[in-house]
Structure formats: C-alpha cells, structure tokens
Amino acid sequence: VMMHGNVSVTNTTVFVQSTLSNSQC
C-alpha cells in the first residue's frame, strides 16, 4: 500500500485503498 501510494491523508482522516477487497476504508 505504501509503495503504490494507495494512501491519502487529511487533517483528521487517513484513506486507504484496499489491495485485497477493492474497497476504500
């Protein structure tokens, strides 16, 4: 996840694009 940049961060939230279930949490 870290290598492919599937993470975005705001002041209060971290969004992670799942590599396994194709969902965003």
PDBML (XML) file of the C-alpha atoms, coordinates in Angstrom:
<?xml version="1.0" encoding="UTF-8" ?>
<PDBx:datablock datablockName="MODEL"
   xmlns:PDBx="http://pdbml.pdb.org/schema/pdbx-v50.xsd"
   xmlns:xsi="http://www.w3.org/2001/XMLSchema-instance"
   xsi:schemaLocation="http://pdbml.pdb.org/schema/pdbx-v50.xsd pdbx-v50.xsd">
   <PDBx:atom_siteCategory>
      <PDBx:atom_site id="1">
         <PDBx:B_iso_or_equiv>0.00</PDBx:B_iso_or_equiv>
         <PDBx:Cartn_x>0.000</PDBx:Cartn_x>
         <PDBx:Cartn_y>0.000</PDBx:Cartn_y>
         <PDBx:Cartn_z>0.000</PDBx:Cartn_z>
         <PDBx:auth_asym_id>A</PDBx:auth_asym_id>
         <PDBx:auth_atom_id>CA</PDBx:auth_atom_id>
         <PDBx:auth_comp_id>VAL</PDBx:auth_comp_id>
         <PDBx:auth_seq_id>1</PDBx:auth_seq_id>
         <PDBx:group_PDB>ATOM</PDBx:group_PDB>
         <PDBx:label_alt_id xsi:nil="true" />
         <PDBx:label_asym_id>A</PDBx:label_asym_id>
         <PDBx:label_atom_id>CA</PDBx:label_atom_id>
         <PDBx:label_comp_id>VAL</PDBx:label_comp_id>
         <PDBx:label_entity_id>1</PDBx:label_entity_id>
         <PDBx:label_seq_id>1</PDBx:label_seq_id>
         <PDBx:occupancy>1.00</PDBx:occupancy>
         <PDBx:pdbx_PDB_model_num>1</PDBx:pdbx_PDB_model_num>
         <PDBx:type_symbol>C</PDBx:type_symbol>
      </PDBx:atom_site>
      <PDBx:atom_site id="2">
         <PDBx:B_iso_or_equiv>0.00</PDBx:B_iso_or_equiv>
         <PDBx:Cartn_x>2.762</PDBx:Cartn_x>
         <PDBx:Cartn_y>2.433</PDBx:Cartn_y>
         <PDBx:Cartn_z>0.917</PDBx:Cartn_z>
         <PDBx:auth_asym_id>A</PDBx:auth_asym_id>
         <PDBx:auth_atom_id>CA</PDBx:auth_atom_id>
         <PDBx:auth_comp_id>MET</PDBx:auth_comp_id>
         <PDBx:auth_seq_id>2</PDBx:auth_seq_id>
         <PDBx:group_PDB>ATOM</PDBx:group_PDB>
         <PDBx:label_alt_id xsi:nil="true" />
         <PDBx:label_asym_id>A</PDBx:label_asym_id>
         <PDBx:label_atom_id>CA</PDBx:label_atom_id>
         <PDBx:label_comp_id>MET</PDBx:label_comp_id>
         <PDBx:label_entity_id>1</PDBx:label_entity_id>
         <PDBx:label_seq_id>2</PDBx:label_seq_id>
         <PDBx:occupancy>1.00</PDBx:occupancy>
         <PDBx:pdbx_PDB_model_num>1</PDBx:pdbx_PDB_model_num>
         <PDBx:type_symbol>C</PDBx:type_symbol>
      </PDBx:atom_site>
      <PDBx:atom_site id="3">
         <PDBx:B_iso_or_equiv>0.00</PDBx:B_iso_or_equiv>
         <PDBx:Cartn_x>4.829</PDBx:Cartn_x>
         <PDBx:Cartn_y>1.602</PDBx:Cartn_y>
         <PDBx:Cartn_z>-2.202</PDBx:Cartn_z>
         <PDBx:auth_asym_id>A</PDBx:auth_asym_id>
         <PDBx:auth_atom_id>CA</PDBx:auth_atom_id>
         <PDBx:auth_comp_id>MET</PDBx:auth_comp_id>
         <PDBx:auth_seq_id>3</PDBx:auth_seq_id>
         <PDBx:group_PDB>ATOM</PDBx:group_PDB>
         <PDBx:label_alt_id xsi:nil="true" />
         <PDBx:label_asym_id>A</PDBx:label_asym_id>
         <PDBx:label_atom_id>CA</PDBx:label_atom_id>
         <PDBx:label_comp_id>MET</PDBx:label_comp_id>
         <PDBx:label_entity_id>1</PDBx:label_entity_id>
         <PDBx:label_seq_id>3</PDBx:label_seq_id>
         <PDBx:occupancy>1.00</PDBx:occupancy>
         <PDBx:pdbx_PDB_model_num>1</PDBx:pdbx_PDB_model_num>
         <PDBx:type_symbol>C</PDBx:type_symbol>
      </PDBx:atom_site>
      <PDBx:atom_site id="4">
         <PDBx:B_iso_or_equiv>0.00</PDBx:B_iso_or_equiv>
         <PDBx:Cartn_x>1.885</PDBx:Cartn_x>
         <PDBx:Cartn_y>2.081</PDBx:Cartn_y>
         <PDBx:Cartn_z>-4.578</PDBx:Cartn_z>
         <PDBx:auth_asym_id>A</PDBx:auth_asym_id>
         <PDBx:auth_atom_id>CA</PDBx:auth_atom_id>
         <PDBx:auth_comp_id>HIS</PDBx:auth_comp_id>
         <PDBx:auth_seq_id>4</PDBx:auth_seq_id>
         <PDBx:group_PDB>ATOM</PDBx:group_PDB>
         <PDBx:label_alt_id xsi:nil="true" />
         <PDBx:label_asym_id>A</PDBx:label_asym_id>
         <PDBx:label_atom_id>CA</PDBx:label_atom_id>
         <PDBx:label_comp_id>HIS</PDBx:label_comp_id>
         <PDBx:label_entity_id>1</PDBx:label_entity_id>
         <PDBx:label_seq_id>4</PDBx:label_seq_id>
         <PDBx:occupancy>1.00</PDBx:occupancy>
         <PDBx:pdbx_PDB_model_num>1</PDBx:pdbx_PDB_model_num>
         <PDBx:type_symbol>C</PDBx:type_symbol>
      </PDBx:atom_site>
      <PDBx:atom_site id="5">
         <PDBx:B_iso_or_equiv>0.00</PDBx:B_iso_or_equiv>
         <PDBx:Cartn_x>0.671</PDBx:Cartn_x>
         <PDBx:Cartn_y>5.298</PDBx:Cartn_y>
         <PDBx:Cartn_z>-2.965</PDBx:Cartn_z>
         <PDBx:auth_asym_id>A</PDBx:auth_asym_id>
         <PDBx:auth_atom_id>CA</PDBx:auth_atom_id>
         <PDBx:auth_comp_id>GLY</PDBx:auth_comp_id>
         <PDBx:auth_seq_id>5</PDBx:auth_seq_id>
         <PDBx:group_PDB>ATOM</PDBx:group_PDB>
         <PDBx:label_alt_id xsi:nil="true" />
         <PDBx:label_asym_id>A</PDBx:label_asym_id>
         <PDBx:label_atom_id>CA</PDBx:label_atom_id>
         <PDBx:label_comp_id>GLY</PDBx:label_comp_id>
         <PDBx:label_entity_id>1</PDBx:label_entity_id>
         <PDBx:label_seq_id>5</PDBx:label_seq_id>
         <PDBx:occupancy>1.00</PDBx:occupancy>
         <PDBx:pdbx_PDB_model_num>1</PDBx:pdbx_PDB_model_num>
         <PDBx:type_symbol>C</PDBx:type_symbol>
      </PDBx:atom_site>
      <PDBx:atom_site id="6">
         <PDBx:B_iso_or_equiv>0.00</PDBx:B_iso_or_equiv>
         <PDBx:Cartn_x>-2.800</PDBx:Cartn_x>
         <PDBx:Cartn_y>3.978</PDBx:Cartn_y>
         <PDBx:Cartn_z>-2.135</PDBx:Cartn_z>
         <PDBx:auth_asym_id>A</PDBx:auth_asym_id>
         <PDBx:auth_atom_id>CA</PDBx:auth_atom_id>
         <PDBx:auth_comp_id>ASN</PDBx:auth_comp_id>
         <PDBx:auth_seq_id>6</PDBx:auth_seq_id>
         <PDBx:group_PDB>ATOM</PDBx:group_PDB>
         <PDBx:label_alt_id xsi:nil="true" />
         <PDBx:label_asym_id>A</PDBx:label_asym_id>
         <PDBx:label_atom_id>CA</PDBx:label_atom_id>
         <PDBx:label_comp_id>ASN</PDBx:label_comp_id>
         <PDBx:label_entity_id>1</PDBx:label_entity_id>
         <PDBx:label_seq_id>6</PDBx:label_seq_id>
         <PDBx:occupancy>1.00</PDBx:occupancy>
         <PDBx:pdbx_PDB_model_num>1</PDBx:pdbx_PDB_model_num>
         <PDBx:type_symbol>C</PDBx:type_symbol>
      </PDBx:atom_site>
      <PDBx:atom_site id="7">
         <PDBx:B_iso_or_equiv>0.00</PDBx:B_iso_or_equiv>
         <PDBx:Cartn_x>-3.000</PDBx:Cartn_x>
         <PDBx:Cartn_y>6.254</PDBx:Cartn_y>
         <PDBx:Cartn_z>0.900</PDBx:Cartn_z>
         <PDBx:auth_asym_id>A</PDBx:auth_asym_id>
         <PDBx:auth_atom_id>CA</PDBx:auth_atom_id>
         <PDBx:auth_comp_id>VAL</PDBx:auth_comp_id>
         <PDBx:auth_seq_id>7</PDBx:auth_seq_id>
         <PDBx:group_PDB>ATOM</PDBx:group_PDB>
         <PDBx:label_alt_id xsi:nil="true" />
         <PDBx:label_asym_id>A</PDBx:label_asym_id>
         <PDBx:label_atom_id>CA</PDBx:label_atom_id>
         <PDBx:label_comp_id>VAL</PDBx:label_comp_id>
         <PDBx:label_entity_id>1</PDBx:label_entity_id>
         <PDBx:label_seq_id>7</PDBx:label_seq_id>
         <PDBx:occupancy>1.00</PDBx:occupancy>
         <PDBx:pdbx_PDB_model_num>1</PDBx:pdbx_PDB_model_num>
         <PDBx:type_symbol>C</PDBx:type_symbol>
      </PDBx:atom_site>
      <PDBx:atom_site id="8">
         <PDBx:B_iso_or_equiv>0.00</PDBx:B_iso_or_equiv>
         <PDBx:Cartn_x>-4.190</PDBx:Cartn_x>
         <PDBx:Cartn_y>9.841</PDBx:Cartn_y>
         <PDBx:Cartn_z>1.265</PDBx:Cartn_z>
         <PDBx:auth_asym_id>A</PDBx:auth_asym_id>
         <PDBx:auth_atom_id>CA</PDBx:auth_atom_id>
         <PDBx:auth_comp_id>SER</PDBx:auth_comp_id>
         <PDBx:auth_seq_id>8</PDBx:auth_seq_id>
         <PDBx:group_PDB>ATOM</PDBx:group_PDB>
         <PDBx:label_alt_id xsi:nil="true" />
         <PDBx:label_asym_id>A</PDBx:label_asym_id>
         <PDBx:label_atom_id>CA</PDBx:label_atom_id>
         <PDBx:label_comp_id>SER</PDBx:label_comp_id>
         <PDBx:label_entity_id>1</PDBx:label_entity_id>
         <PDBx:label_seq_id>8</PDBx:label_seq_id>
         <PDBx:occupancy>1.00</PDBx:occupancy>
         <PDBx:pdbx_PDB_model_num>1</PDBx:pdbx_PDB_model_num>
         <PDBx:type_symbol>C</PDBx:type_symbol>
      </PDBx:atom_site>
      <PDBx:atom_site id="9">
         <PDBx:B_iso_or_equiv>0.00</PDBx:B_iso_or_equiv>
         <PDBx:Cartn_x>-4.215</PDBx:Cartn_x>
         <PDBx:Cartn_y>11.864</PDBx:Cartn_y>
         <PDBx:Cartn_z>4.459</PDBx:Cartn_z>
         <PDBx:auth_asym_id>A</PDBx:auth_asym_id>
         <PDBx:auth_atom_id>CA</PDBx:auth_atom_id>
         <PDBx:auth_comp_id>VAL</PDBx:auth_comp_id>
         <PDBx:auth_seq_id>9</PDBx:auth_seq_id>
         <PDBx:group_PDB>ATOM</PDBx:group_PDB>
         <PDBx:label_alt_id xsi:nil="true" />
         <PDBx:label_asym_id>A</PDBx:label_asym_id>
         <PDBx:label_atom_id>CA</PDBx:label_atom_id>
         <PDBx:label_comp_id>VAL</PDBx:label_comp_id>
         <PDBx:label_entity_id>1</PDBx:label_entity_id>
         <PDBx:label_seq_id>9</PDBx:label_seq_id>
         <PDBx:occupancy>1.00</PDBx:occupancy>
         <PDBx:pdbx_PDB_model_num>1</PDBx:pdbx_PDB_model_num>
         <PDBx:type_symbol>C</PDBx:type_symbol>
      </PDBx:atom_site>
      <PDBx:atom_site id="10">
         <PDBx:B_iso_or_equiv>0.00</PDBx:B_iso_or_equiv>
         <PDBx:Cartn_x>-6.223</PDBx:Cartn_x>
         <PDBx:Cartn_y>14.880</PDBx:Cartn_y>
         <PDBx:Cartn_z>5.616</PDBx:Cartn_z>
         <PDBx:auth_asym_id>A</PDBx:auth_asym_id>
         <PDBx:auth_atom_id>CA</PDBx:auth_atom_id>
         <PDBx:auth_comp_id>THR</PDBx:auth_comp_id>
         <PDBx:auth_seq_id>10</PDBx:auth_seq_id>
         <PDBx:group_PDB>ATOM</PDBx:group_PDB>
         <PDBx:label_alt_id xsi:nil="true" />
         <PDBx:label_asym_id>A</PDBx:label_asym_id>
         <PDBx:label_atom_id>CA</PDBx:label_atom_id>
         <PDBx:label_comp_id>THR</PDBx:label_comp_id>
         <PDBx:label_entity_id>1</PDBx:label_entity_id>
         <PDBx:label_seq_id>10</PDBx:label_seq_id>
         <PDBx:occupancy>1.00</PDBx:occupancy>
         <PDBx:pdbx_PDB_model_num>1</PDBx:pdbx_PDB_model_num>
         <PDBx:type_symbol>C</PDBx:type_symbol>
      </PDBx:atom_site>
      <PDBx:atom_site id="11">
         <PDBx:B_iso_or_equiv>0.00</PDBx:B_iso_or_equiv>
         <PDBx:Cartn_x>-6.088</PDBx:Cartn_x>
         <PDBx:Cartn_y>16.616</PDBx:Cartn_y>
         <PDBx:Cartn_z>8.998</PDBx:Cartn_z>
         <PDBx:auth_asym_id>A</PDBx:auth_asym_id>
         <PDBx:auth_atom_id>CA</PDBx:auth_atom_id>
         <PDBx:auth_comp_id>ASN</PDBx:auth_comp_id>
         <PDBx:auth_seq_id>11</PDBx:auth_seq_id>
         <PDBx:group_PDB>ATOM</PDBx:group_PDB>
         <PDBx:label_alt_id xsi:nil="true" />
         <PDBx:label_asym_id>A</PDBx:label_asym_id>
         <PDBx:label_atom_id>CA</PDBx:label_atom_id>
         <PDBx:label_comp_id>ASN</PDBx:label_comp_id>
         <PDBx:label_entity_id>1</PDBx:label_entity_id>
         <PDBx:label_seq_id>11</PDBx:label_seq_id>
         <PDBx:occupancy>1.00</PDBx:occupancy>
         <PDBx:pdbx_PDB_model_num>1</PDBx:pdbx_PDB_model_num>
         <PDBx:type_symbol>C</PDBx:type_symbol>
      </PDBx:atom_site>
      <PDBx:atom_site id="12">
         <PDBx:B_iso_or_equiv>0.00</PDBx:B_iso_or_equiv>
         <PDBx:Cartn_x>-8.338</PDBx:Cartn_x>
         <PDBx:Cartn_y>14.031</PDBx:Cartn_y>
         <PDBx:Cartn_z>10.644</PDBx:Cartn_z>
         <PDBx:auth_asym_id>A</PDBx:auth_asym_id>
         <PDBx:auth_atom_id>CA</PDBx:auth_atom_id>
         <PDBx:auth_comp_id>THR</PDBx:auth_comp_id>
         <PDBx:auth_seq_id>12</PDBx:auth_seq_id>
         <PDBx:group_PDB>ATOM</PDBx:group_PDB>
         <PDBx:label_alt_id xsi:nil="true" />
         <PDBx:label_asym_id>A</PDBx:label_asym_id>
         <PDBx:label_atom_id>CA</PDBx:label_atom_id>
         <PDBx:label_comp_id>THR</PDBx:label_comp_id>
         <PDBx:label_entity_id>1</PDBx:label_entity_id>
         <PDBx:label_seq_id>12</PDBx:label_seq_id>
         <PDBx:occupancy>1.00</PDBx:occupancy>
         <PDBx:pdbx_PDB_model_num>1</PDBx:pdbx_PDB_model_num>
         <PDBx:type_symbol>C</PDBx:type_symbol>
      </PDBx:atom_site>
      <PDBx:atom_site id="13">
         <PDBx:B_iso_or_equiv>0.00</PDBx:B_iso_or_equiv>
         <PDBx:Cartn_x>-8.664</PDBx:Cartn_x>
         <PDBx:Cartn_y>11.092</PDBx:Cartn_y>
         <PDBx:Cartn_z>8.249</PDBx:Cartn_z>
         <PDBx:auth_asym_id>A</PDBx:auth_asym_id>
         <PDBx:auth_atom_id>CA</PDBx:auth_atom_id>
         <PDBx:auth_comp_id>THR</PDBx:auth_comp_id>
         <PDBx:auth_seq_id>13</PDBx:auth_seq_id>
         <PDBx:group_PDB>ATOM</PDBx:group_PDB>
         <PDBx:label_alt_id xsi:nil="true" />
         <PDBx:label_asym_id>A</PDBx:label_asym_id>
         <PDBx:label_atom_id>CA</PDBx:label_atom_id>
         <PDBx:label_comp_id>THR</PDBx:label_comp_id>
         <PDBx:label_entity_id>1</PDBx:label_entity_id>
         <PDBx:label_seq_id>13</PDBx:label_seq_id>
         <PDBx:occupancy>1.00</PDBx:occupancy>
         <PDBx:pdbx_PDB_model_num>1</PDBx:pdbx_PDB_model_num>
         <PDBx:type_symbol>C</PDBx:type_symbol>
      </PDBx:atom_site>
      <PDBx:atom_site id="14">
         <PDBx:B_iso_or_equiv>0.00</PDBx:B_iso_or_equiv>
         <PDBx:Cartn_x>-6.444</PDBx:Cartn_x>
         <PDBx:Cartn_y>8.523</PDBx:Cartn_y>
         <PDBx:Cartn_z>6.582</PDBx:Cartn_z>
         <PDBx:auth_asym_id>A</PDBx:auth_asym_id>
         <PDBx:auth_atom_id>CA</PDBx:auth_atom_id>
         <PDBx:auth_comp_id>VAL</PDBx:auth_comp_id>
         <PDBx:auth_seq_id>14</PDBx:auth_seq_id>
         <PDBx:group_PDB>ATOM</PDBx:group_PDB>
         <PDBx:label_alt_id xsi:nil="true" />
         <PDBx:label_asym_id>A</PDBx:label_asym_id>
         <PDBx:label_atom_id>CA</PDBx:label_atom_id>
         <PDBx:label_comp_id>VAL</PDBx:label_comp_id>
         <PDBx:label_entity_id>1</PDBx:label_entity_id>
         <PDBx:label_seq_id>14</PDBx:label_seq_id>
         <PDBx:occupancy>1.00</PDBx:occupancy>
         <PDBx:pdbx_PDB_model_num>1</PDBx:pdbx_PDB_model_num>
         <PDBx:type_symbol>C</PDBx:type_symbol>
      </PDBx:atom_site>
      <PDBx:atom_site id="15">
         <PDBx:B_iso_or_equiv>0.00</PDBx:B_iso_or_equiv>
         <PDBx:Cartn_x>-7.969</PDBx:Cartn_x>
         <PDBx:Cartn_y>6.957</PDBx:Cartn_y>
         <PDBx:Cartn_z>3.444</PDBx:Cartn_z>
         <PDBx:auth_asym_id>A</PDBx:auth_asym_id>
         <PDBx:auth_atom_id>CA</PDBx:auth_atom_id>
         <PDBx:auth_comp_id>PHE</PDBx:auth_comp_id>
         <PDBx:auth_seq_id>15</PDBx:auth_seq_id>
         <PDBx:group_PDB>ATOM</PDBx:group_PDB>
         <PDBx:label_alt_id xsi:nil="true" />
         <PDBx:label_asym_id>A</PDBx:label_asym_id>
         <PDBx:label_atom_id>CA</PDBx:label_atom_id>
         <PDBx:label_comp_id>PHE</PDBx:label_comp_id>
         <PDBx:label_entity_id>1</PDBx:label_entity_id>
         <PDBx:label_seq_id>15</PDBx:label_seq_id>
         <PDBx:occupancy>1.00</PDBx:occupancy>
         <PDBx:pdbx_PDB_model_num>1</PDBx:pdbx_PDB_model_num>
         <PDBx:type_symbol>C</PDBx:type_symbol>
      </PDBx:atom_site>
      <PDBx:atom_site id="16">
         <PDBx:B_iso_or_equiv>0.00</PDBx:B_iso_or_equiv>
         <PDBx:Cartn_x>-6.584</PDBx:Cartn_x>
         <PDBx:Cartn_y>3.583</PDBx:Cartn_y>
         <PDBx:Cartn_z>2.373</PDBx:Cartn_z>
         <PDBx:auth_asym_id>A</PDBx:auth_asym_id>
         <PDBx:auth_atom_id>CA</PDBx:auth_atom_id>
         <PDBx:auth_comp_id>VAL</PDBx:auth_comp_id>
         <PDBx:auth_seq_id>16</PDBx:auth_seq_id>
         <PDBx:group_PDB>ATOM</PDBx:group_PDB>
         <PDBx:label_alt_id xsi:nil="true" />
         <PDBx:label_asym_id>A</PDBx:label_asym_id>
         <PDBx:label_atom_id>CA</PDBx:label_atom_id>
         <PDBx:label_comp_id>VAL</PDBx:label_comp_id>
         <PDBx:label_entity_id>1</PDBx:label_entity_id>
         <PDBx:label_seq_id>16</PDBx:label_seq_id>
         <PDBx:occupancy>1.00</PDBx:occupancy>
         <PDBx:pdbx_PDB_model_num>1</PDBx:pdbx_PDB_model_num>
         <PDBx:type_symbol>C</PDBx:type_symbol>
      </PDBx:atom_site>
      <PDBx:atom_site id="17">
         <PDBx:B_iso_or_equiv>0.00</PDBx:B_iso_or_equiv>
         <PDBx:Cartn_x>-7.483</PDBx:Cartn_x>
         <PDBx:Cartn_y>1.896</PDBx:Cartn_y>
         <PDBx:Cartn_z>-0.893</PDBx:Cartn_z>
         <PDBx:auth_asym_id>A</PDBx:auth_asym_id>
         <PDBx:auth_atom_id>CA</PDBx:auth_atom_id>
         <PDBx:auth_comp_id>GLN</PDBx:auth_comp_id>
         <PDBx:auth_seq_id>17</PDBx:auth_seq_id>
         <PDBx:group_PDB>ATOM</PDBx:group_PDB>
         <PDBx:label_alt_id xsi:nil="true" />
         <PDBx:label_asym_id>A</PDBx:label_asym_id>
         <PDBx:label_atom_id>CA</PDBx:label_atom_id>
         <PDBx:label_comp_id>GLN</PDBx:label_comp_id>
         <PDBx:label_entity_id>1</PDBx:label_entity_id>
         <PDBx:label_seq_id>17</PDBx:label_seq_id>
         <PDBx:occupancy>1.00</PDBx:occupancy>
         <PDBx:pdbx_PDB_model_num>1</PDBx:pdbx_PDB_model_num>
         <PDBx:type_symbol>C</PDBx:type_symbol>
      </PDBx:atom_site>
      <PDBx:atom_site id="18">
         <PDBx:B_iso_or_equiv>0.00</PDBx:B_iso_or_equiv>
         <PDBx:Cartn_x>-7.600</PDBx:Cartn_x>
         <PDBx:Cartn_y>-1.816</PDBx:Cartn_y>
         <PDBx:Cartn_z>-0.146</PDBx:Cartn_z>
         <PDBx:auth_asym_id>A</PDBx:auth_asym_id>
         <PDBx:auth_atom_id>CA</PDBx:auth_atom_id>
         <PDBx:auth_comp_id>SER</PDBx:auth_comp_id>
         <PDBx:auth_seq_id>18</PDBx:auth_seq_id>
         <PDBx:group_PDB>ATOM</PDBx:group_PDB>
         <PDBx:label_alt_id xsi:nil="true" />
         <PDBx:label_asym_id>A</PDBx:label_asym_id>
         <PDBx:label_atom_id>CA</PDBx:label_atom_id>
         <PDBx:label_comp_id>SER</PDBx:label_comp_id>
         <PDBx:label_entity_id>1</PDBx:label_entity_id>
         <PDBx:label_seq_id>18</PDBx:label_seq_id>
         <PDBx:occupancy>1.00</PDBx:occupancy>
         <PDBx:pdbx_PDB_model_num>1</PDBx:pdbx_PDB_model_num>
         <PDBx:type_symbol>C</PDBx:type_symbol>
      </PDBx:atom_site>
      <PDBx:atom_site id="19">
         <PDBx:B_iso_or_equiv>0.00</PDBx:B_iso_or_equiv>
         <PDBx:Cartn_x>-5.407</PDBx:Cartn_x>
         <PDBx:Cartn_y>-4.034</PDBx:Cartn_y>
         <PDBx:Cartn_z>-2.297</PDBx:Cartn_z>
         <PDBx:auth_asym_id>A</PDBx:auth_asym_id>
         <PDBx:auth_atom_id>CA</PDBx:auth_atom_id>
         <PDBx:auth_comp_id>THR</PDBx:auth_comp_id>
         <PDBx:auth_seq_id>19</PDBx:auth_seq_id>
         <PDBx:group_PDB>ATOM</PDBx:group_PDB>
         <PDBx:label_alt_id xsi:nil="true" />
         <PDBx:label_asym_id>A</PDBx:label_asym_id>
         <PDBx:label_atom_id>CA</PDBx:label_atom_id>
         <PDBx:label_comp_id>THR</PDBx:label_comp_id>
         <PDBx:label_entity_id>1</PDBx:label_entity_id>
         <PDBx:label_seq_id>19</PDBx:label_seq_id>
         <PDBx:occupancy>1.00</PDBx:occupancy>
         <PDBx:pdbx_PDB_model_num>1</PDBx:pdbx_PDB_model_num>
         <PDBx:type_symbol>C</PDBx:type_symbol>
      </PDBx:atom_site>
      <PDBx:atom_site id="20">
         <PDBx:B_iso_or_equiv>0.00</PDBx:B_iso_or_equiv>
         <PDBx:Cartn_x>-7.458</PDBx:Cartn_x>
         <PDBx:Cartn_y>-7.132</PDBx:Cartn_y>
         <PDBx:Cartn_z>-1.499</PDBx:Cartn_z>
         <PDBx:auth_asym_id>A</PDBx:auth_asym_id>
         <PDBx:auth_atom_id>CA</PDBx:auth_atom_id>
         <PDBx:auth_comp_id>LEU</PDBx:auth_comp_id>
         <PDBx:auth_seq_id>20</PDBx:auth_seq_id>
         <PDBx:group_PDB>ATOM</PDBx:group_PDB>
         <PDBx:label_alt_id xsi:nil="true" />
         <PDBx:label_asym_id>A</PDBx:label_asym_id>
         <PDBx:label_atom_id>CA</PDBx:label_atom_id>
         <PDBx:label_comp_id>LEU</PDBx:label_comp_id>
         <PDBx:label_entity_id>1</PDBx:label_entity_id>
         <PDBx:label_seq_id>20</PDBx:label_seq_id>
         <PDBx:occupancy>1.00</PDBx:occupancy>
         <PDBx:pdbx_PDB_model_num>1</PDBx:pdbx_PDB_model_num>
         <PDBx:type_symbol>C</PDBx:type_symbol>
      </PDBx:atom_site>
      <PDBx:atom_site id="21">
         <PDBx:B_iso_or_equiv>0.00</PDBx:B_iso_or_equiv>
         <PDBx:Cartn_x>-11.159</PDBx:Cartn_x>
         <PDBx:Cartn_y>-6.334</PDBx:Cartn_y>
         <PDBx:Cartn_z>-1.286</PDBx:Cartn_z>
         <PDBx:auth_asym_id>A</PDBx:auth_asym_id>
         <PDBx:auth_atom_id>CA</PDBx:auth_atom_id>
         <PDBx:auth_comp_id>SER</PDBx:auth_comp_id>
         <PDBx:auth_seq_id>21</PDBx:auth_seq_id>
         <PDBx:group_PDB>ATOM</PDBx:group_PDB>
         <PDBx:label_alt_id xsi:nil="true" />
         <PDBx:label_asym_id>A</PDBx:label_asym_id>
         <PDBx:label_atom_id>CA</PDBx:label_atom_id>
         <PDBx:label_comp_id>SER</PDBx:label_comp_id>
         <PDBx:label_entity_id>1</PDBx:label_entity_id>
         <PDBx:label_seq_id>21</PDBx:label_seq_id>
         <PDBx:occupancy>1.00</PDBx:occupancy>
         <PDBx:pdbx_PDB_model_num>1</PDBx:pdbx_PDB_model_num>
         <PDBx:type_symbol>C</PDBx:type_symbol>
      </PDBx:atom_site>
      <PDBx:atom_site id="22">
         <PDBx:B_iso_or_equiv>0.00</PDBx:B_iso_or_equiv>
         <PDBx:Cartn_x>-11.279</PDBx:Cartn_x>
         <PDBx:Cartn_y>-3.425</PDBx:Cartn_y>
         <PDBx:Cartn_z>-3.774</PDBx:Cartn_z>
         <PDBx:auth_asym_id>A</PDBx:auth_asym_id>
         <PDBx:auth_atom_id>CA</PDBx:auth_atom_id>
         <PDBx:auth_comp_id>ASN</PDBx:auth_comp_id>
         <PDBx:auth_seq_id>22</PDBx:auth_seq_id>
         <PDBx:group_PDB>ATOM</PDBx:group_PDB>
         <PDBx:label_alt_id xsi:nil="true" />
         <PDBx:label_asym_id>A</PDBx:label_asym_id>
         <PDBx:label_atom_id>CA</PDBx:label_atom_id>
         <PDBx:label_comp_id>ASN</PDBx:label_comp_id>
         <PDBx:label_entity_id>1</PDBx:label_entity_id>
         <PDBx:label_seq_id>22</PDBx:label_seq_id>
         <PDBx:occupancy>1.00</PDBx:occupancy>
         <PDBx:pdbx_PDB_model_num>1</PDBx:pdbx_PDB_model_num>
         <PDBx:type_symbol>C</PDBx:type_symbol>
      </PDBx:atom_site>
      <PDBx:atom_site id="23">
         <PDBx:B_iso_or_equiv>0.00</PDBx:B_iso_or_equiv>
         <PDBx:Cartn_x>-12.959</PDBx:Cartn_x>
         <PDBx:Cartn_y>-1.180</PDBx:Cartn_y>
         <PDBx:Cartn_z>-1.241</PDBx:Cartn_z>
         <PDBx:auth_asym_id>A</PDBx:auth_asym_id>
         <PDBx:auth_atom_id>CA</PDBx:auth_atom_id>
         <PDBx:auth_comp_id>SER</PDBx:auth_comp_id>
         <PDBx:auth_seq_id>23</PDBx:auth_seq_id>
         <PDBx:group_PDB>ATOM</PDBx:group_PDB>
         <PDBx:label_alt_id xsi:nil="true" />
         <PDBx:label_asym_id>A</PDBx:label_asym_id>
         <PDBx:label_atom_id>CA</PDBx:label_atom_id>
         <PDBx:label_comp_id>SER</PDBx:label_comp_id>
         <PDBx:label_entity_id>1</PDBx:label_entity_id>
         <PDBx:label_seq_id>23</PDBx:label_seq_id>
         <PDBx:occupancy>1.00</PDBx:occupancy>
         <PDBx:pdbx_PDB_model_num>1</PDBx:pdbx_PDB_model_num>
         <PDBx:type_symbol>C</PDBx:type_symbol>
      </PDBx:atom_site>
      <PDBx:atom_site id="24">
         <PDBx:B_iso_or_equiv>0.00</PDBx:B_iso_or_equiv>
         <PDBx:Cartn_x>-11.960</PDBx:Cartn_x>
         <PDBx:Cartn_y>2.041</PDBx:Cartn_y>
         <PDBx:Cartn_z>0.390</PDBx:Cartn_z>
         <PDBx:auth_asym_id>A</PDBx:auth_asym_id>
         <PDBx:auth_atom_id>CA</PDBx:auth_atom_id>
         <PDBx:auth_comp_id>GLN</PDBx:auth_comp_id>
         <PDBx:auth_seq_id>24</PDBx:auth_seq_id>
         <PDBx:group_PDB>ATOM</PDBx:group_PDB>
         <PDBx:label_alt_id xsi:nil="true" />
         <PDBx:label_asym_id>A</PDBx:label_asym_id>
         <PDBx:label_atom_id>CA</PDBx:label_atom_id>
         <PDBx:label_comp_id>GLN</PDBx:label_comp_id>
         <PDBx:label_entity_id>1</PDBx:label_entity_id>
         <PDBx:label_seq_id>24</PDBx:label_seq_id>
         <PDBx:occupancy>1.00</PDBx:occupancy>
         <PDBx:pdbx_PDB_model_num>1</PDBx:pdbx_PDB_model_num>
         <PDBx:type_symbol>C</PDBx:type_symbol>
      </PDBx:atom_site>
      <PDBx:atom_site id="25">
         <PDBx:B_iso_or_equiv>0.00</PDBx:B_iso_or_equiv>
         <PDBx:Cartn_x>-11.906</PDBx:Cartn_x>
         <PDBx:Cartn_y>2.421</PDBx:Cartn_y>
         <PDBx:Cartn_z>4.124</PDBx:Cartn_z>
         <PDBx:auth_asym_id>A</PDBx:auth_asym_id>
         <PDBx:auth_atom_id>CA</PDBx:auth_atom_id>
         <PDBx:auth_comp_id>CYS</PDBx:auth_comp_id>
         <PDBx:auth_seq_id>25</PDBx:auth_seq_id>
         <PDBx:group_PDB>ATOM</PDBx:group_PDB>
         <PDBx:label_alt_id xsi:nil="true" />
         <PDBx:label_asym_id>A</PDBx:label_asym_id>
         <PDBx:label_atom_id>CA</PDBx:label_atom_id>
         <PDBx:label_comp_id>CYS</PDBx:label_comp_id>
         <PDBx:label_entity_id>1</PDBx:label_entity_id>
         <PDBx:label_seq_id>25</PDBx:label_seq_id>
         <PDBx:occupancy>1.00</PDBx:occupancy>
         <PDBx:pdbx_PDB_model_num>1</PDBx:pdbx_PDB_model_num>
         <PDBx:type_symbol>C</PDBx:type_symbol>
      </PDBx:atom_site>
   </PDBx:atom_siteCategory>
</PDBx:datablock>
